[in-house]
Structure formats: C-alpha cells, structure tokens
PDB file of N, CA and C in Angstrom:
ATOM      1  N   MET A   1       0.838  -1.163   0.000  1.00  0.00           N
ATOM      2  CA  MET A   1       0.000   0.000   0.000  1.00  0.00           C
ATOM      3  C   MET A   1       0.892   1.238   0.000  1.00  0.00           C
ATOM      4  N   SER A   2       0.731   2.087  -0.982  1.00  0.00           N
ATOM      5  CA  SER A   2       1.538   3.297  -1.088  1.00  0.00           C
ATOM      6  C   SER A   2       0.755   4.493  -0.559  1.00  0.00           C
ATOM      7  N   ARG A   3       1.484   5.438  -0.011  1.00  0.00           N
ATOM      8  CA  ARG A   3       0.855   6.610   0.588  1.00  0.00           C
ATOM      9  C   ARG A   3       1.402   7.861  -0.069  1.00  0.00           C
ATOM     10  N   THR A   4       0.532   8.772  -0.461  1.00  0.00           N
ATOM     11  CA  THR A   4       0.950  10.026  -1.069  1.00  0.00           C
ATOM     12  C   THR A   4       0.911  11.135  -0.023  1.00  0.00           C
ATOM     13  N   VAL A   5       1.976  11.917   0.032  1.00  0.00           N
ATOM     14  CA  VAL A   5       2.036  13.030   0.972  1.00  0.00           C
ATOM     15  C   VAL A   5       1.862  14.324   0.194  1.00  0.00           C
ATOM     16  N   SER A   6       0.882  15.104   0.585  1.00  0.00           N
ATOM     17  CA  SER A   6       0.635  16.390  -0.063  1.00  0.00           C
ATOM     18  C   SER A   6       1.441  17.476   0.629  1.00  0.00           C
ATOM     19  N   PRO A   7       1.892  18.487  -0.138  1.00  0.00           N
ATOM     20  CA  PRO A   7       2.611  19.594   0.489  1.00  0.00           C
ATOM     21  C   PRO A   7       1.681  20.337   1.455  1.00  0.00           C
ATOM     22  N   MET A   8       2.245  20.817   2.545  1.00  0.00           N
ATOM     23  CA  MET A   8       1.458  21.560   3.523  1.00  0.00           C
ATOM     24  C   MET A   8       1.981  22.976   3.640  1.00  0.00           C
ATOM     25  N   LYS A   9       1.110  23.872   4.085  1.00  0.00           N
ATOM     26  CA  LYS A   9       1.482  25.261   4.291  1.00  0.00           C
ATOM     27  C   LYS A   9       1.144  25.637   5.731  1.00  0.00           C
ATOM     28  N   LEU A  10       2.119  26.150   6.448  1.00  0.00           N
ATOM     29  CA  LEU A  10       1.910  26.581   7.821  1.00  0.00           C
ATOM     30  C   LEU A  10       1.228  27.943   7.805  1.00  0.00           C
ATOM     31  N   LEU A  11       0.052  28.027   8.395  1.00  0.00           N
ATOM     32  CA  LEU A  11      -0.713  29.269   8.381  1.00  0.00           C
ATOM     33  C   LEU A  11      -0.393  30.173   9.565  1.00  0.00           C
ATOM     34  N   SER A  12      -0.205  29.591  10.740  1.00  0.00           N
ATOM     35  CA  SER A  12       0.138  30.410  11.903  1.00  0.00           C
ATOM     36  C   SER A  12       0.748  29.542  12.997  1.00  0.00           C
ATOM     37  N   VAL A  13       1.492  30.202  13.874  1.00  0.00           N
ATOM     38  CA  VAL A  13       2.017  29.576  15.083  1.00  0.00           C
ATOM     39  C   VAL A  13       1.383  30.332  16.243  1.00  0.00           C
ATOM     40  N   ASN A  14       0.661  29.608  17.100  1.00  0.00           N
ATOM     41  CA  ASN A  14      -0.028  30.224  18.231  1.00  0.00           C
ATOM     42  C   ASN A  14       0.590  29.726  19.528  1.00  0.00           C
ATOM     43  N   ILE A  15       0.911  30.658  20.411  1.00  0.00           N
ATOM     44  CA  ILE A  15       1.551  30.320  21.677  1.00  0.00           C
ATOM     45  C   ILE A  15       0.696  30.843  22.827  1.00  0.00           C
ATOM     46  N   GLY A  16       0.499  29.982  23.816  1.00  0.00           N
ATOM     47  CA  GLY A  16      -0.213  30.376  25.033  1.00  0.00           C
ATOM     48  C   GLY A  16       0.775  30.543  26.169  1.00  0.00           C
ATOM     49  N   ARG A  17       0.984  31.748  26.599  1.00  0.00           N
ATOM     50  CA  ARG A  17       1.884  32.003  27.722  1.00  0.00           C
ATOM     51  C   ARG A  17       1.129  31.769  29.031  1.00  0.00           C
ATOM     52  N   PRO A  18       1.819  31.268  30.051  1.00  0.00           N
ATOM     53  CA  PRO A  18       1.147  31.014  31.327  1.00  0.00           C
ATOM     54  C   PRO A  18       0.552  32.295  31.918  1.00  0.00           C
ATOM     55  N   ARG A  19      -0.701  32.201  32.336  1.00  0.00           N
ATOM     56  CA  ARG A  19      -1.392  33.319  32.985  1.00  0.00           C
ATOM     57  C   ARG A  19      -2.094  32.784  34.228  1.00  0.00           C
ATOM     58  N   PRO A  20      -2.337  33.645  35.209  1.00  0.00           N
ATOM     59  CA  PRO A  20      -3.049  33.190  36.402  1.00  0.00           C
ATOM     60  C   PRO A  20      -4.407  32.592  36.042  1.00  0.00           C
ATOM     61  N   ASN A  21      -4.807  31.558  36.759  1.00  0.00           N
ATOM     62  CA  ASN A  21      -6.059  30.861  36.486  1.00  0.00           C
ATOM     63  C   ASN A  21      -6.901  30.811  37.769  1.00  0.00           C
ATOM     64  N   PRO A  22      -7.710  31.842  38.021  1.00  0.00           N
ATOM     65  CA  PRO A  22      -8.473  31.888  39.271  1.00  0.00           C
ATOM     66  C   PRO A  22      -9.656  30.920  39.322  1.00  0.00           C
ATOM     67  N   TRP A  23     -10.032  30.290  38.204  1.00  0.00           N
ATOM     68  CA  TRP A  23     -11.225  29.445  38.155  1.00  0.00           C
ATOM     69  C   TRP A  23     -10.942  27.964  38.373  1.00  0.00           C
ATOM     70  N   LYS A  24      -9.707  27.577  38.359  1.00  0.00           N
ATOM     71  CA  LYS A  24      -9.354  26.157  38.497  1.00  0.00           C
ATOM     72  C   LYS A  24      -8.350  25.964  39.624  1.00  0.00           C
ATOM     73  N   LYS A  25      -8.098  24.707  39.955  1.00  0.00           N
ATOM     74  CA  LYS A  25      -7.131  24.390  41.006  1.00  0.00           C
ATOM     75  C   LYS A  25      -5.695  24.633  40.558  1.00  0.00           C
ATOM     76  N   LEU A  26      -5.450  24.604  39.244  1.00  0.00           N
ATOM     77  CA  LEU A  26      -4.106  24.863  38.728  1.00  0.00           C
ATOM     78  C   LEU A  26      -3.793  26.343  38.851  1.00  0.00           C
ATOM     79  N   GLY A  27      -2.545  26.659  39.156  1.00  0.00           N
ATOM     80  CA  GLY A  27      -2.159  28.046  39.343  1.00  0.00           C
ATOM     81  C   GLY A  27      -2.077  28.860  38.068  1.00  0.00           C
ATOM     82  N   ALA A  28      -1.826  28.200  36.922  1.00  0.00           N
ATOM     83  CA  ALA A  28      -1.667  28.933  35.666  1.00  0.00           C
ATOM     84  C   ALA A  28      -2.280  28.145  34.518  1.00  0.00           C
ATOM     85  N   THR A  29      -2.594  28.865  33.454  1.00  0.00           N
ATOM     86  CA  THR A  29      -3.135  28.243  32.255  1.00  0.00           C
ATOM     87  C   THR A  29      -2.476  28.850  31.021  1.00  0.00           C
ATOM     88  N   GLY A  30      -2.402  28.086  29.939  1.00  0.00           N
ATOM     89  CA  GLY A  30      -1.876  28.576  28.666  1.00  0.00           C
ATOM     90  C   GLY A  30      -2.933  28.484  27.585  1.00  0.00           C
ATOM     91  N   ILE A  31      -4.205  28.446  27.979  1.00  0.00           N
ATOM     92  CA  ILE A  31      -5.291  28.251  27.027  1.00  0.00           C
ATOM     93  C   ILE A  31      -5.473  29.454  26.092  1.00  0.00           C
ATOM     94  N   ASP A  32      -5.098  30.650  26.529  1.00  0.00           N
ATOM     95  CA  ASP A  32      -5.276  31.865  25.724  1.00  0.00           C
ATOM     96  C   ASP A  32      -4.132  31.992  24.723  1.00  0.00           C
ATOM     97  N   LYS A  33      -4.232  31.262  23.623  1.00  0.00           N
ATOM     98  CA  LYS A  33      -3.161  31.234  22.620  1.00  0.00           C
ATOM     99  C   LYS A  33      -3.337  32.361  21.612  1.00  0.00           C
ATOM    100  N   ARG A  34      -2.214  32.979  21.244  1.00  0.00           N
ATOM    101  CA  ARG A  34      -2.204  34.083  20.280  1.00  0.00           C
ATOM    102  C   ARG A  34      -1.157  33.819  19.208  1.00  0.00           C
ATOM    103  N   PRO A  35      -1.407  34.285  17.965  1.00  0.00           N
ATOM    104  CA  PRO A  35      -0.406  34.116  16.905  1.00  0.00           C
ATOM    105  C   PRO A  35       0.851  34.941  17.197  1.00  0.00           C
ATOM    106  N   VAL A  36       1.996  34.410  16.799  1.00  0.00           N
ATOM    107  CA  VAL A  36       3.261  35.126  16.946  1.00  0.00           C
ATOM    108  C   VAL A  36       3.844  35.390  15.565  1.00  0.00           C
ATOM    109  N   ARG A  37       4.654  36.430  15.469  1.00  0.00           N
ATOM    110  CA  ARG A  37       5.319  36.755  14.204  1.00  0.00           C
ATOM    111  C   ARG A  37       6.742  36.231  14.240  1.00  0.00           C
ATOM    112  N   GLY A  38       7.232  35.879  13.073  1.00  0.00           N
ATOM    113  CA  GLY A  38       8.615  35.459  12.967  1.00  0.00           C
ATOM    114  C   GLY A  38       8.824  33.999  13.307  1.00  0.00           C
ATOM    115  N   PRO A  39      10.077  33.556  13.216  1.00  0.00           N
ATOM    116  CA  PRO A  39      10.399  32.150  13.439  1.00  0.00           C
ATOM    117  C   PRO A  39      10.211  31.729  14.897  1.00  0.00           C
ATOM    118  N   VAL A  40       9.837  30.480  15.083  1.00  0.00           N
ATOM    119  CA  VAL A  40       9.683  29.882  16.409  1.00  0.00           C
ATOM    120  C   VAL A  40      10.424  28.550  16.400  1.00  0.00           C
ATOM    121  N   ALA A  41      11.403  28.397  17.295  1.00  0.00           N
ATOM    122  CA  ALA A  41      12.144  27.138  17.395  1.00  0.00           C
ATOM    123  C   ALA A  41      11.282  26.109  18.113  1.00  0.00           C
ATOM    124  N   VAL A  42      11.160  24.917  17.526  1.00  0.00           N
ATOM    125  CA  VAL A  42      10.377  23.845  18.137  1.00  0.00           C
ATOM    126  C   VAL A  42      11.275  22.634  18.336  1.00  0.00           C
ATOM    127  N   SER A  43      11.341  22.162  19.578  1.00  0.00           N
ATOM    128  CA  SER A  43      12.100  20.959  19.912  1.00  0.00           C
ATOM    129  C   SER A  43      11.485  20.347  21.165  1.00  0.00           C
ATOM    130  N   ALA A  44      11.877  19.148  21.476  1.00  0.00           N
ATOM    131  CA  ALA A  44      11.342  18.496  22.670  1.00  0.00           C
ATOM    132  C   ALA A  44      11.773  19.281  23.897  1.00  0.00           C
ATOM    133  N   PRO A  45      10.936  19.558  24.850  1.00  0.00           N
ATOM    134  CA  PRO A  45       9.551  19.130  24.982  1.00  0.00           C
ATOM    135  C   PRO A  45       8.535  20.061  24.356  1.00  0.00           C
ATOM    136  N   GLY A  46       8.940  21.164  23.726  1.00  0.00           N
ATOM    137  CA  GLY A  46       7.980  22.054  23.074  1.00  0.00           C
ATOM    138  C   GLY A  46       8.657  23.315  22.589  1.00  0.00           C
ATOM    139  N   PRO A  47       7.860  24.287  22.078  1.00  0.00           N
ATOM    140  CA  PRO A  47       8.429  25.542  21.586  1.00  0.00           C
ATOM    141  C   PRO A  47       9.204  26.264  22.687  1.00  0.00           C
ATOM    142  N   LYS A  48      10.382  26.804  22.340  1.00  0.00           N
ATOM    143  CA  LYS A  48      11.206  27.509  23.323  1.00  0.00           C
ATOM    144  C   LYS A  48      10.581  28.856  23.667  1.00  0.00           C
ATOM    145  N   GLY A  49      10.742  29.253  24.905  1.00  0.00           N
ATOM    146  CA  GLY A  49      10.266  30.558  25.334  1.00  0.00           C
ATOM    147  C   GLY A  49       8.788  30.610  25.656  1.00  0.00           C
ATOM    148  N   THR A  50       8.132  29.466  25.790  1.00  0.00           N
ATOM    149  CA  THR A  50       6.699  29.470  26.084  1.00  0.00           C
ATOM    150  C   THR A  50       6.417  29.439  27.575  1.00  0.00           C
ATOM    151  N   GLY A  51       7.445  29.427  28.388  1.00  0.00           N
ATOM    152  CA  GLY A  51       7.217  29.442  29.824  1.00  0.00           C
ATOM    153  C   GLY A  51       7.290  28.061  30.431  1.00  0.00           C
ATOM    154  N   GLU A  52       6.173  27.382  30.509  1.00  0.00           N
ATOM    155  CA  GLU A  52       6.133  26.078  31.152  1.00  0.00           C
ATOM    156  C   GLU A  52       6.216  24.952  30.139  1.00  0.00           C
ATOM    157  N   VAL A  53       6.598  23.786  30.630  1.00  0.00           N
ATOM    158  CA  VAL A  53       6.689  22.597  29.782  1.00  0.00           C
ATOM    159  C   VAL A  53       5.300  22.033  29.564  1.00  0.00           C
ATOM    160  N   GLY A  54       5.000  21.683  28.323  1.00  0.00           N
ATOM    161  CA  GLY A  54       3.697  21.116  27.985  1.00  0.00           C
ATOM    162  C   GLY A  54       3.628  19.632  28.258  1.00  0.00           C
ATOM    163  N   PRO A  55       2.865  18.906  27.459  1.00  0.00           N
ATOM    164  CA  PRO A  55       2.656  17.480  27.683  1.00  0.00           C
ATOM    165  C   PRO A  55       3.931  16.647  27.668  1.00  0.00           C
ATOM    166  N   GLY A  56       4.999  17.130  27.031  1.00  0.00           N
ATOM    167  CA  GLY A  56       6.258  16.406  27.091  1.00  0.00           C
ATOM    168  C   GLY A  56       6.736  15.819  25.783  1.00  0.00           C
ATOM    169  N   ARG A  57       5.888  15.766  24.781  1.00  0.00           N
ATOM    170  CA  ARG A  57       6.308  15.241  23.479  1.00  0.00           C
ATOM    171  C   ARG A  57       5.976  16.276  22.419  1.00  0.00           C
ATOM    172  N   VAL A  58       6.906  16.454  21.470  1.00  0.00           N
ATOM    173  CA  VAL A  58       6.694  17.429  20.406  1.00  0.00           C
ATOM    174  C   VAL A  58       5.390  17.146  19.675  1.00  0.00           C
ATOM    175  N   SER A  59       5.072  15.866  19.441  1.00  0.00           N
ATOM    176  CA  SER A  59       3.849  15.527  18.710  1.00  0.00           C
ATOM    177  C   SER A  59       2.596  15.982  19.455  1.00  0.00           C
ATOM    178  N   GLU A  60       2.658  16.116  20.780  1.00  0.00           N
ATOM    179  CA  GLU A  60       1.507  16.582  21.548  1.00  0.00           C
ATOM    180  C   GLU A  60       1.448  18.099  21.610  1.00  0.00           C
ATOM    181  N   VAL A  61       2.589  18.761  21.457  1.00  0.00           N
ATOM    182  CA  VAL A  61       2.633  20.213  21.534  1.00  0.00           C
ATOM    183  C   VAL A  61       2.370  20.834  20.172  1.00  0.00           C
ATOM    184  N   VAL A  62       2.923  20.243  19.123  1.00  0.00           N
ATOM    185  CA  VAL A  62       2.733  20.732  17.766  1.00  0.00           C
ATOM    186  C   VAL A  62       1.610  19.917  17.142  1.00  0.00           C
ATOM    187  N   ALA A  63       0.477  20.540  16.931  1.00  0.00           N
ATOM    188  CA  ALA A  63      -0.698  19.831  16.406  1.00  0.00           C
ATOM    189  C   ALA A  63      -1.199  20.500  15.143  1.00  0.00           C
ATOM    190  N   SER A  64      -1.884  19.718  14.316  1.00  0.00           N
ATOM    191  CA  SER A  64      -2.427  20.289  13.084  1.00  0.00           C
ATOM    192  C   SER A  64      -3.800  20.851  13.323  1.00  0.00           C
TER     193      SER A  64
END
C-alpha cells in the first residue's frame, strides 16, 4: 500500500503564555493562545520561550 504526501502550508504559530487561572485548582493556564510573528524554534519538549513545559512530546505540543 503506497501513501501520497501532499505539500502543507503553515498558516500560523499560536503560543499560550502562562497566565493566572483563578477558576481552576491549577495556578496557571496557557489556554489563551495568540499568533506570533517570525520564526519559532520547536524541539522536545515544546516551543522555546513558552514558559512552562507542555505534555512532554513534540507531537503533543505541535498539532495540526
């Protein structure tokens, strides 16, 4: 079985910086993601400069 890969185009990179979360038991949340301009380095465990470590695997942090 052969698989064809189509070219993809990256439309945006959105980063959620840690912010106080008064509604939950967790002290901070990164749910408020915003687009960033310019290059973003991505490596395990996630994009550099985002504050806290995410789920721990690049495949979980970088999603389509």
